[in-house]
């Protein structure tokens, strides 16, 4: 099972993804973790690092739920690893 939840800021993507992850006992991947270098939210990771982190997560298992989108900086995005 592979699920991606997208939507605007503050719409509950992370809340829904965490709920699905817990109920289905699958990995939750939060794309916000790719963007920032740390919890201060002051500096972005370079695009190359984000892509590397994204690919590693996508290859980590056959079932996961993703909250957020990567398409603005990784055009192949979620689709590249679905099949």
PDB file of N, CA and C in Angstrom:
ATOM      1  N   UNK A   1       0.842  -1.166   0.000  1.00  0.00           N
ATOM      2  CA  UNK A   1       0.000   0.000   0.000  1.00  0.00           C
ATOM      3  C   UNK A   1       0.895   1.239   0.000  1.00  0.00           C
ATOM      4  N   UNK A   2       0.649   2.142  -0.950  1.00  0.00           N
ATOM      5  CA  UNK A   2       1.366   3.404  -1.035  1.00  0.00           C
ATOM      6  C   UNK A   2       0.345   4.517  -1.190  1.00  0.00           C
ATOM      7  N   UNK A   3       0.381   5.453  -0.240  1.00  0.00           N
ATOM      8  CA  UNK A   3      -0.597   6.542  -0.213  1.00  0.00           C
ATOM      9  C   UNK A   3       0.155   7.859  -0.148  1.00  0.00           C
ATOM     10  N   UNK A   4      -0.277   8.845  -0.933  1.00  0.00           N
ATOM     11  CA  UNK A   4       0.262  10.192  -0.800  1.00  0.00           C
ATOM     12  C   UNK A   4      -0.891  11.145  -0.562  1.00  0.00           C
ATOM     13  N   UNK A   5      -0.757  11.959   0.479  1.00  0.00           N
ATOM     14  CA  UNK A   5      -1.780  12.927   0.850  1.00  0.00           C
ATOM     15  C   UNK A   5      -1.216  14.320   0.572  1.00  0.00           C
ATOM     16  N   UNK A   6      -1.900  15.066  -0.294  1.00  0.00           N
ATOM     17  CA  UNK A   6      -1.451  16.416  -0.612  1.00  0.00           C
ATOM     18  C   UNK A   6      -2.572  17.401  -0.296  1.00  0.00           C
ATOM     19  N   UNK A   7      -2.194  18.652  -0.122  1.00  0.00           N
ATOM     20  CA  UNK A   7      -3.161  19.706   0.168  1.00  0.00           C
ATOM     21  C   UNK A   7      -2.439  20.933   0.674  1.00  0.00           C
ATOM     22  N   UNK A   8      -3.192  21.975   0.924  1.00  0.00           N
ATOM     23  CA  UNK A   8      -2.633  23.239   1.393  1.00  0.00           C
ATOM     24  C   UNK A   8      -2.109  23.146   2.821  1.00  0.00           C
ATOM     25  N   UNK A   9      -1.374  24.181   3.213  1.00  0.00           N
ATOM     26  CA  UNK A   9      -0.835  24.252   4.574  1.00  0.00           C
ATOM     27  C   UNK A   9      -1.969  24.268   5.597  1.00  0.00           C
ATOM     28  N   UNK A  10      -1.786  23.502   6.657  1.00  0.00           N
ATOM     29  CA  UNK A  10      -2.747  23.499   7.757  1.00  0.00           C
ATOM     30  C   UNK A  10      -4.049  22.768   7.498  1.00  0.00           C
ATOM     31  N   UNK A  11      -4.078  21.900   6.485  1.00  0.00           N
ATOM     32  CA  UNK A  11      -5.325  21.199   6.149  1.00  0.00           C
ATOM     33  C   UNK A  11      -5.445  19.813   6.775  1.00  0.00           C
ATOM     34  N   UNK A  12      -4.428  19.396   7.527  1.00  0.00           N
ATOM     35  CA  UNK A  12      -4.512  18.117   8.219  1.00  0.00           C
ATOM     36  C   UNK A  12      -3.821  16.955   7.529  1.00  0.00           C
ATOM     37  N   UNK A  13      -2.958  17.230   6.572  1.00  0.00           N
ATOM     38  CA  UNK A  13      -2.254  16.154   5.865  1.00  0.00           C
ATOM     39  C   UNK A  13      -1.460  15.273   6.820  1.00  0.00           C
ATOM     40  N   UNK A  14      -0.674  15.906   7.669  1.00  0.00           N
ATOM     41  CA  UNK A  14       0.166  15.156   8.610  1.00  0.00           C
ATOM     42  C   UNK A  14      -0.680  14.394   9.622  1.00  0.00           C
ATOM     43  N   UNK A  15      -1.730  15.013  10.098  1.00  0.00           N
ATOM     44  CA  UNK A  15      -2.623  14.353  11.066  1.00  0.00           C
ATOM     45  C   UNK A  15      -3.248  13.105  10.453  1.00  0.00           C
ATOM     46  N   UNK A  16      -3.745  13.231   9.227  1.00  0.00           N
ATOM     47  CA  UNK A  16      -4.352  12.087   8.544  1.00  0.00           C
ATOM     48  C   UNK A  16      -3.320  11.004   8.255  1.00  0.00           C
ATOM     49  N   UNK A  17      -2.148  11.412   7.789  1.00  0.00           N
ATOM     50  CA  UNK A  17      -1.102  10.430   7.476  1.00  0.00           C
ATOM     51  C   UNK A  17      -0.655   9.679   8.721  1.00  0.00           C
ATOM     52  N   UNK A  18      -0.479  10.390   9.817  1.00  0.00           N
ATOM     53  CA  UNK A  18      -0.088   9.739  11.077  1.00  0.00           C
ATOM     54  C   UNK A  18      -1.159   8.742  11.522  1.00  0.00           C
ATOM     55  N   UNK A  19      -2.441   9.125  11.392  1.00  0.00           N
ATOM     56  CA  UNK A  19      -3.552   8.244  11.754  1.00  0.00           C
ATOM     57  C   UNK A  19      -3.528   6.970  10.908  1.00  0.00           C
ATOM     58  N   UNK A  20      -3.391   7.122   9.592  1.00  0.00           N
ATOM     59  CA  UNK A  20      -3.350   5.961   8.693  1.00  0.00           C
ATOM     60  C   UNK A  20      -2.156   5.079   9.026  1.00  0.00           C
ATOM     61  N   UNK A  21      -1.012   5.711   9.264  1.00  0.00           N
ATOM     62  CA  UNK A  21       0.200   4.972   9.605  1.00  0.00           C
ATOM     63  C   UNK A  21       0.002   4.104  10.838  1.00  0.00           C
ATOM     64  N   UNK A  22      -0.606   4.677  11.849  1.00  0.00           N
ATOM     65  CA  UNK A  22      -0.842   3.930  13.094  1.00  0.00           C
ATOM     66  C   UNK A  22      -1.866   2.816  12.896  1.00  0.00           C
ATOM     67  N   UNK A  23      -2.949   3.101  12.203  1.00  0.00           N
ATOM     68  CA  UNK A  23      -4.010   2.109  12.008  1.00  0.00           C
ATOM     69  C   UNK A  23      -3.576   0.959  11.110  1.00  0.00           C
ATOM     70  N   UNK A  24      -2.780   1.249  10.101  1.00  0.00           N
ATOM     71  CA  UNK A  24      -2.345   0.231   9.136  1.00  0.00           C
ATOM     72  C   UNK A  24      -0.972  -0.344   9.457  1.00  0.00           C
ATOM     73  N   UNK A  25      -0.329   0.214  10.488  1.00  0.00           N
ATOM     74  CA  UNK A  25       1.005  -0.220  10.899  1.00  0.00           C
ATOM     75  C   UNK A  25       2.002  -0.135   9.730  1.00  0.00           C
ATOM     76  N   UNK A  26       2.007   1.036   9.075  1.00  0.00           N
ATOM     77  CA  UNK A  26       2.932   1.291   7.988  1.00  0.00           C
ATOM     78  C   UNK A  26       3.724   2.567   8.276  1.00  0.00           C
ATOM     79  N   UNK A  27       4.803   2.747   7.563  1.00  0.00           N
ATOM     80  CA  UNK A  27       5.678   3.901   7.752  1.00  0.00           C
ATOM     81  C   UNK A  27       4.977   5.194   7.328  1.00  0.00           C
ATOM     82  N   UNK A  28       5.196   6.260   8.104  1.00  0.00           N
ATOM     83  CA  UNK A  28       4.720   7.589   7.747  1.00  0.00           C
ATOM     84  C   UNK A  28       5.923   8.415   7.314  1.00  0.00           C
ATOM     85  N   UNK A  29       5.855   8.991   6.128  1.00  0.00           N
ATOM     86  CA  UNK A  29       6.905   9.847   5.592  1.00  0.00           C
ATOM     87  C   UNK A  29       6.341  11.260   5.494  1.00  0.00           C
ATOM     88  N   UNK A  30       6.947  12.185   6.235  1.00  0.00           N
ATOM     89  CA  UNK A  30       6.520  13.582   6.226  1.00  0.00           C
ATOM     90  C   UNK A  30       7.498  14.373   5.363  1.00  0.00           C
ATOM     91  N   UNK A  31       7.037  14.877   4.225  1.00  0.00           N
ATOM     92  CA  UNK A  31       7.932  15.573   3.302  1.00  0.00           C
ATOM     93  C   UNK A  31       8.469  16.880   3.877  1.00  0.00           C
ATOM     94  N   UNK A  32       7.863  17.403   4.929  1.00  0.00           N
ATOM     95  CA  UNK A  32       8.410  18.594   5.584  1.00  0.00           C
ATOM     96  C   UNK A  32       9.813  18.321   6.112  1.00  0.00           C
ATOM     97  N   UNK A  33      10.096  17.072   6.460  1.00  0.00           N
ATOM     98  CA  UNK A  33      11.419  16.718   6.981  1.00  0.00           C
ATOM     99  C   UNK A  33      12.516  16.869   5.930  1.00  0.00           C
ATOM    100  N   UNK A  34      12.157  16.863   4.664  1.00  0.00           N
ATOM    101  CA  UNK A  34      13.145  17.030   3.605  1.00  0.00           C
ATOM    102  C   UNK A  34      13.561  18.497   3.455  1.00  0.00           C
ATOM    103  N   UNK A  35      12.646  19.391   3.720  1.00  0.00           N
ATOM    104  CA  UNK A  35      12.859  20.800   3.426  1.00  0.00           C
ATOM    105  C   UNK A  35      13.849  21.487   4.354  1.00  0.00           C
ATOM    106  N   UNK A  36      13.736  21.249   5.652  1.00  0.00           N
ATOM    107  CA  UNK A  36      14.512  22.002   6.638  1.00  0.00           C
ATOM    108  C   UNK A  36      15.736  21.235   7.134  1.00  0.00           C
ATOM    109  N   UNK A  37      16.824  21.982   7.407  1.00  0.00           N
ATOM    110  CA  UNK A  37      18.046  21.353   7.911  1.00  0.00           C
ATOM    111  C   UNK A  37      17.914  20.943   9.370  1.00  0.00           C
ATOM    112  N   UNK A  38      17.051  21.654  10.137  1.00  0.00           N
ATOM    113  CA  UNK A  38      16.845  21.324  11.549  1.00  0.00           C
ATOM    114  C   UNK A  38      15.516  21.914  12.023  1.00  0.00           C
ATOM    115  N   UNK A  39      15.266  21.800  13.313  1.00  0.00           N
ATOM    116  CA  UNK A  39      13.982  22.241  13.872  1.00  0.00           C
ATOM    117  C   UNK A  39      13.849  23.756  14.027  1.00  0.00           C
ATOM    118  N   UNK A  40      14.880  24.507  13.674  1.00  0.00           N
ATOM    119  CA  UNK A  40      14.773  25.966  13.749  1.00  0.00           C
ATOM    120  C   UNK A  40      13.989  26.528  12.556  1.00  0.00           C
ATOM    121  N   UNK A  41      13.847  25.735  11.501  1.00  0.00           N
ATOM    122  CA  UNK A  41      13.106  26.112  10.289  1.00  0.00           C
ATOM    123  C   UNK A  41      13.658  27.397   9.657  1.00  0.00           C
ATOM    124  N   UNK A  42      14.967  27.594   9.754  1.00  0.00           N
ATOM    125  CA  UNK A  42      15.584  28.795   9.212  1.00  0.00           C
ATOM    126  C   UNK A  42      16.343  28.538   7.915  1.00  0.00           C
ATOM    127  N   UNK A  43      16.783  27.311   7.710  1.00  0.00           N
ATOM    128  CA  UNK A  43      17.604  27.012   6.540  1.00  0.00           C
ATOM    129  C   UNK A  43      17.081  25.765   5.838  1.00  0.00           C
ATOM    130  N   UNK A  44      16.943  25.866   4.519  1.00  0.00           N
ATOM    131  CA  UNK A  44      16.472  24.737   3.719  1.00  0.00           C
ATOM    132  C   UNK A  44      17.620  23.814   3.356  1.00  0.00           C
ATOM    133  N   UNK A  45      17.315  22.523   3.249  1.00  0.00           N
ATOM    134  CA  UNK A  45      18.271  21.579   2.673  1.00  0.00           C
ATOM    135  C   UNK A  45      18.402  21.894   1.191  1.00  0.00           C
ATOM    136  N   UNK A  46      19.590  21.690   0.625  1.00  0.00           N
ATOM    137  CA  UNK A  46      19.722  21.844  -0.839  1.00  0.00           C
ATOM    138  C   UNK A  46      18.838  20.814  -1.543  1.00  0.00           C
ATOM    139  N   UNK A  47      18.413  21.148  -2.744  1.00  0.00           N
ATOM    140  CA  UNK A  47      17.517  20.266  -3.501  1.00  0.00           C
ATOM    141  C   UNK A  47      18.112  18.871  -3.648  1.00  0.00           C
ATOM    142  N   UNK A  48      19.405  18.769  -3.906  1.00  0.00           N
ATOM    143  CA  UNK A  48      20.041  17.466  -4.092  1.00  0.00           C
ATOM    144  C   UNK A  48      19.877  16.589  -2.847  1.00  0.00           C
ATOM    145  N   UNK A  49      20.013  17.178  -1.679  1.00  0.00           N
ATOM    146  CA  UNK A  49      19.850  16.421  -0.434  1.00  0.00           C
ATOM    147  C   UNK A  49      18.401  15.988  -0.253  1.00  0.00           C
ATOM    148  N   UNK A  50      17.467  16.882  -0.581  1.00  0.00           N
ATOM    149  CA  UNK A  50      16.037  16.530  -0.473  1.00  0.00           C
ATOM    150  C   UNK A  50      15.707  15.339  -1.366  1.00  0.00           C
ATOM    151  N   UNK A  51      16.208  15.370  -2.606  1.00  0.00           N
ATOM    152  CA  UNK A  51      15.953  14.279  -3.554  1.00  0.00           C
ATOM    153  C   UNK A  51      16.544  12.980  -3.021  1.00  0.00           C
ATOM    154  N   UNK A  52      17.755  13.051  -2.486  1.00  0.00           N
ATOM    155  CA  UNK A  52      18.394  11.861  -1.913  1.00  0.00           C
ATOM    156  C   UNK A  52      17.572  11.293  -0.747  1.00  0.00           C
ATOM    157  N   UNK A  53      17.109  12.163   0.145  1.00  0.00           N
ATOM    158  CA  UNK A  53      16.303  11.722   1.288  1.00  0.00           C
ATOM    159  C   UNK A  53      14.985  11.106   0.817  1.00  0.00           C
ATOM    160  N   UNK A  54      14.377  11.739  -0.171  1.00  0.00           N
ATOM    161  CA  UNK A  54      13.109  11.261  -0.731  1.00  0.00           C
ATOM    162  C   UNK A  54      13.276   9.869  -1.343  1.00  0.00           C
ATOM    163  N   UNK A  55      14.284   9.698  -2.169  1.00  0.00           N
ATOM    164  CA  UNK A  55      14.515   8.393  -2.812  1.00  0.00           C
ATOM    165  C   UNK A  55      14.766   7.303  -1.775  1.00  0.00           C
ATOM    166  N   UNK A  56      15.551   7.620  -0.775  1.00  0.00           N
ATOM    167  CA  UNK A  56      15.858   6.654   0.276  1.00  0.00           C
ATOM    168  C   UNK A  56      14.578   6.222   0.998  1.00  0.00           C
ATOM    169  N   UNK A  57      13.722   7.176   1.320  1.00  0.00           N
ATOM    170  CA  UNK A  57      12.452   6.843   1.980  1.00  0.00           C
ATOM    171  C   UNK A  57      11.555   6.003   1.077  1.00  0.00           C
ATOM    172  N   UNK A  58      11.464   6.370  -0.195  1.00  0.00           N
ATOM    173  CA  UNK A  58      10.597   5.645  -1.119  1.00  0.00           C
ATOM    174  C   UNK A  58      11.057   4.201  -1.307  1.00  0.00           C
ATOM    175  N   UNK A  59      12.361   3.981  -1.213  1.00  0.00           N
ATOM    176  CA  UNK A  59      12.901   2.631  -1.392  1.00  0.00           C
ATOM    177  C   UNK A  59      12.917   1.824  -0.103  1.00  0.00           C
ATOM    178  N   UNK A  60      12.506   2.424   0.997  1.00  0.00           N
ATOM    179  CA  UNK A  60      12.629   1.787   2.310  1.00  0.00           C
ATOM    180  C   UNK A  60      11.573   0.723   2.598  1.00  0.00           C
ATOM    181  N   UNK A  61      10.553   0.651   1.798  1.00  0.00           N
ATOM    182  CA  UNK A  61       9.533  -0.355   2.064  1.00  0.00           C
ATOM    183  C   UNK A  61       8.464  -0.371   0.998  1.00  0.00           C
ATOM    184  N   UNK A  62       7.603  -1.371   1.087  1.00  0.00           N
ATOM    185  CA  UNK A  62       6.549  -1.503   0.086  1.00  0.00           C
ATOM    186  C   UNK A  62       5.260  -0.816   0.513  1.00  0.00           C
ATOM    187  N   UNK A  63       5.160  -0.469   1.791  1.00  0.00           N
ATOM    188  CA  UNK A  63       3.953   0.191   2.284  1.00  0.00           C
ATOM    189  C   UNK A  63       4.323   1.424   3.096  1.00  0.00           C
ATOM    190  N   UNK A  64       3.712   2.542   2.735  1.00  0.00           N
ATOM    191  CA  UNK A  64       3.928   3.777   3.477  1.00  0.00           C
ATOM    192  C   UNK A  64       2.836   4.775   3.121  1.00  0.00           C
ATOM    193  N   UNK A  65       2.720   5.798   3.956  1.00  0.00           N
ATOM    194  CA  UNK A  65       1.838   6.924   3.689  1.00  0.00           C
ATOM    195  C   UNK A  65       2.703   8.180   3.739  1.00  0.00           C
ATOM    196  N   UNK A  66       2.552   9.025   2.724  1.00  0.00           N
ATOM    197  CA  UNK A  66       3.348  10.243   2.593  1.00  0.00           C
ATOM    198  C   UNK A  66       2.430  11.436   2.787  1.00  0.00           C
ATOM    199  N   UNK A  67       2.849  12.371   3.645  1.00  0.00           N
ATOM    200  CA  UNK A  67       2.111  13.621   3.774  1.00  0.00           C
ATOM    201  C   UNK A  67       2.915  14.735   3.133  1.00  0.00           C
ATOM    202  N   UNK A  68       2.292  15.428   2.190  1.00  0.00           N
ATOM    203  CA  UNK A  68       2.941  16.526   1.500  1.00  0.00           C
ATOM    204  C   UNK A  68       3.371  16.151   0.098  1.00  0.00           C
ATOM    205  N   UNK A  69       3.912  17.147  -0.586  1.00  0.00           N
ATOM    206  CA  UNK A  69       4.316  16.970  -1.977  1.00  0.00           C
ATOM    207  C   UNK A  69       5.783  17.332  -2.161  1.00  0.00           C
ATOM    208  N   UNK A  70       6.401  16.733  -3.148  1.00  0.00           N
ATOM    209  CA  UNK A  70       7.793  17.026  -3.486  1.00  0.00           C
ATOM    210  C   UNK A  70       7.911  17.544  -4.921  1.00  0.00           C
ATOM    211  N   UNK A  71       6.805  17.700  -5.599  1.00  0.00           N
ATOM    212  CA  UNK A  71       6.824  17.980  -7.028  1.00  0.00           C
ATOM    213  C   UNK A  71       7.478  19.311  -7.389  1.00  0.00           C
ATOM    214  N   UNK A  72       7.478  20.291  -6.492  1.00  0.00           N
ATOM    215  CA  UNK A  72       8.080  21.586  -6.829  1.00  0.00           C
ATOM    216  C   UNK A  72       9.600  21.496  -6.946  1.00  0.00           C
ATOM    217  N   UNK A  73      10.210  20.491  -6.316  1.00  0.00           N
ATOM    218  CA  UNK A  73      11.667  20.344  -6.390  1.00  0.00           C
ATOM    219  C   UNK A  73      12.113  18.958  -6.848  1.00  0.00           C
ATOM    220  N   UNK A  74      11.162  18.054  -7.075  1.00  0.00           N
ATOM    221  CA  UNK A  74      11.492  16.708  -7.567  1.00  0.00           C
ATOM    222  C   UNK A  74      10.374  16.288  -8.518  1.00  0.00           C
ATOM    223  N   UNK A  75      10.520  16.657  -9.773  1.00  0.00           N
ATOM    224  CA  UNK A  75       9.426  16.493 -10.739  1.00  0.00           C
ATOM    225  C   UNK A  75       8.981  15.047 -10.919  1.00  0.00           C
ATOM    226  N   UNK A  76       9.879  14.083 -10.711  1.00  0.00           N
ATOM    227  CA  UNK A  76       9.472  12.680 -10.834  1.00  0.00           C
ATOM    228  C   UNK A  76       8.630  12.252  -9.645  1.00  0.00           C
ATOM    229  N   UNK A  77       8.865  12.899  -8.518  1.00  0.00           N
ATOM    230  CA  UNK A  77       8.046  12.732  -7.332  1.00  0.00           C
ATOM    231  C   UNK A  77       7.688  11.308  -6.949  1.00  0.00           C
ATOM    232  N   UNK A  78       6.514  11.158  -6.461  1.00  0.00           N
ATOM    233  CA  UNK A  78       5.991   9.914  -5.926  1.00  0.00           C
ATOM    234  C   UNK A  78       5.806   8.861  -7.017  1.00  0.00           C
ATOM    235  N   UNK A  79       5.453   9.285  -8.201  1.00  0.00           N
ATOM    236  CA  UNK A  79       5.108   8.374  -9.296  1.00  0.00           C
ATOM    237  C   UNK A  79       6.290   7.495  -9.700  1.00  0.00           C
ATOM    238  N   UNK A  80       7.488   8.027  -9.654  1.00  0.00           N
ATOM    239  CA  UNK A  80       8.676   7.292 -10.110  1.00  0.00           C
ATOM    240  C   UNK A  80       8.925   6.018  -9.334  1.00  0.00           C
ATOM    241  N   UNK A  81       8.447   5.930  -8.109  1.00  0.00           N
ATOM    242  CA  UNK A  81       8.737   4.762  -7.286  1.00  0.00           C
ATOM    243  C   UNK A  81       7.514   3.876  -7.061  1.00  0.00           C
ATOM    244  N   UNK A  82       6.401   4.229  -7.671  1.00  0.00           N
ATOM    245  CA  UNK A  82       5.169   3.462  -7.455  1.00  0.00           C
ATOM    246  C   UNK A  82       5.183   2.117  -8.166  1.00  0.00           C
ATOM    247  N   UNK A  83       5.832   2.043  -9.312  1.00  0.00           N
ATOM    248  CA  UNK A  83       5.738   0.837 -10.130  1.00  0.00           C
ATOM    249  C   UNK A  83       7.064   0.144 -10.273  1.00  0.00           C
TER     250      UNK A  83
END
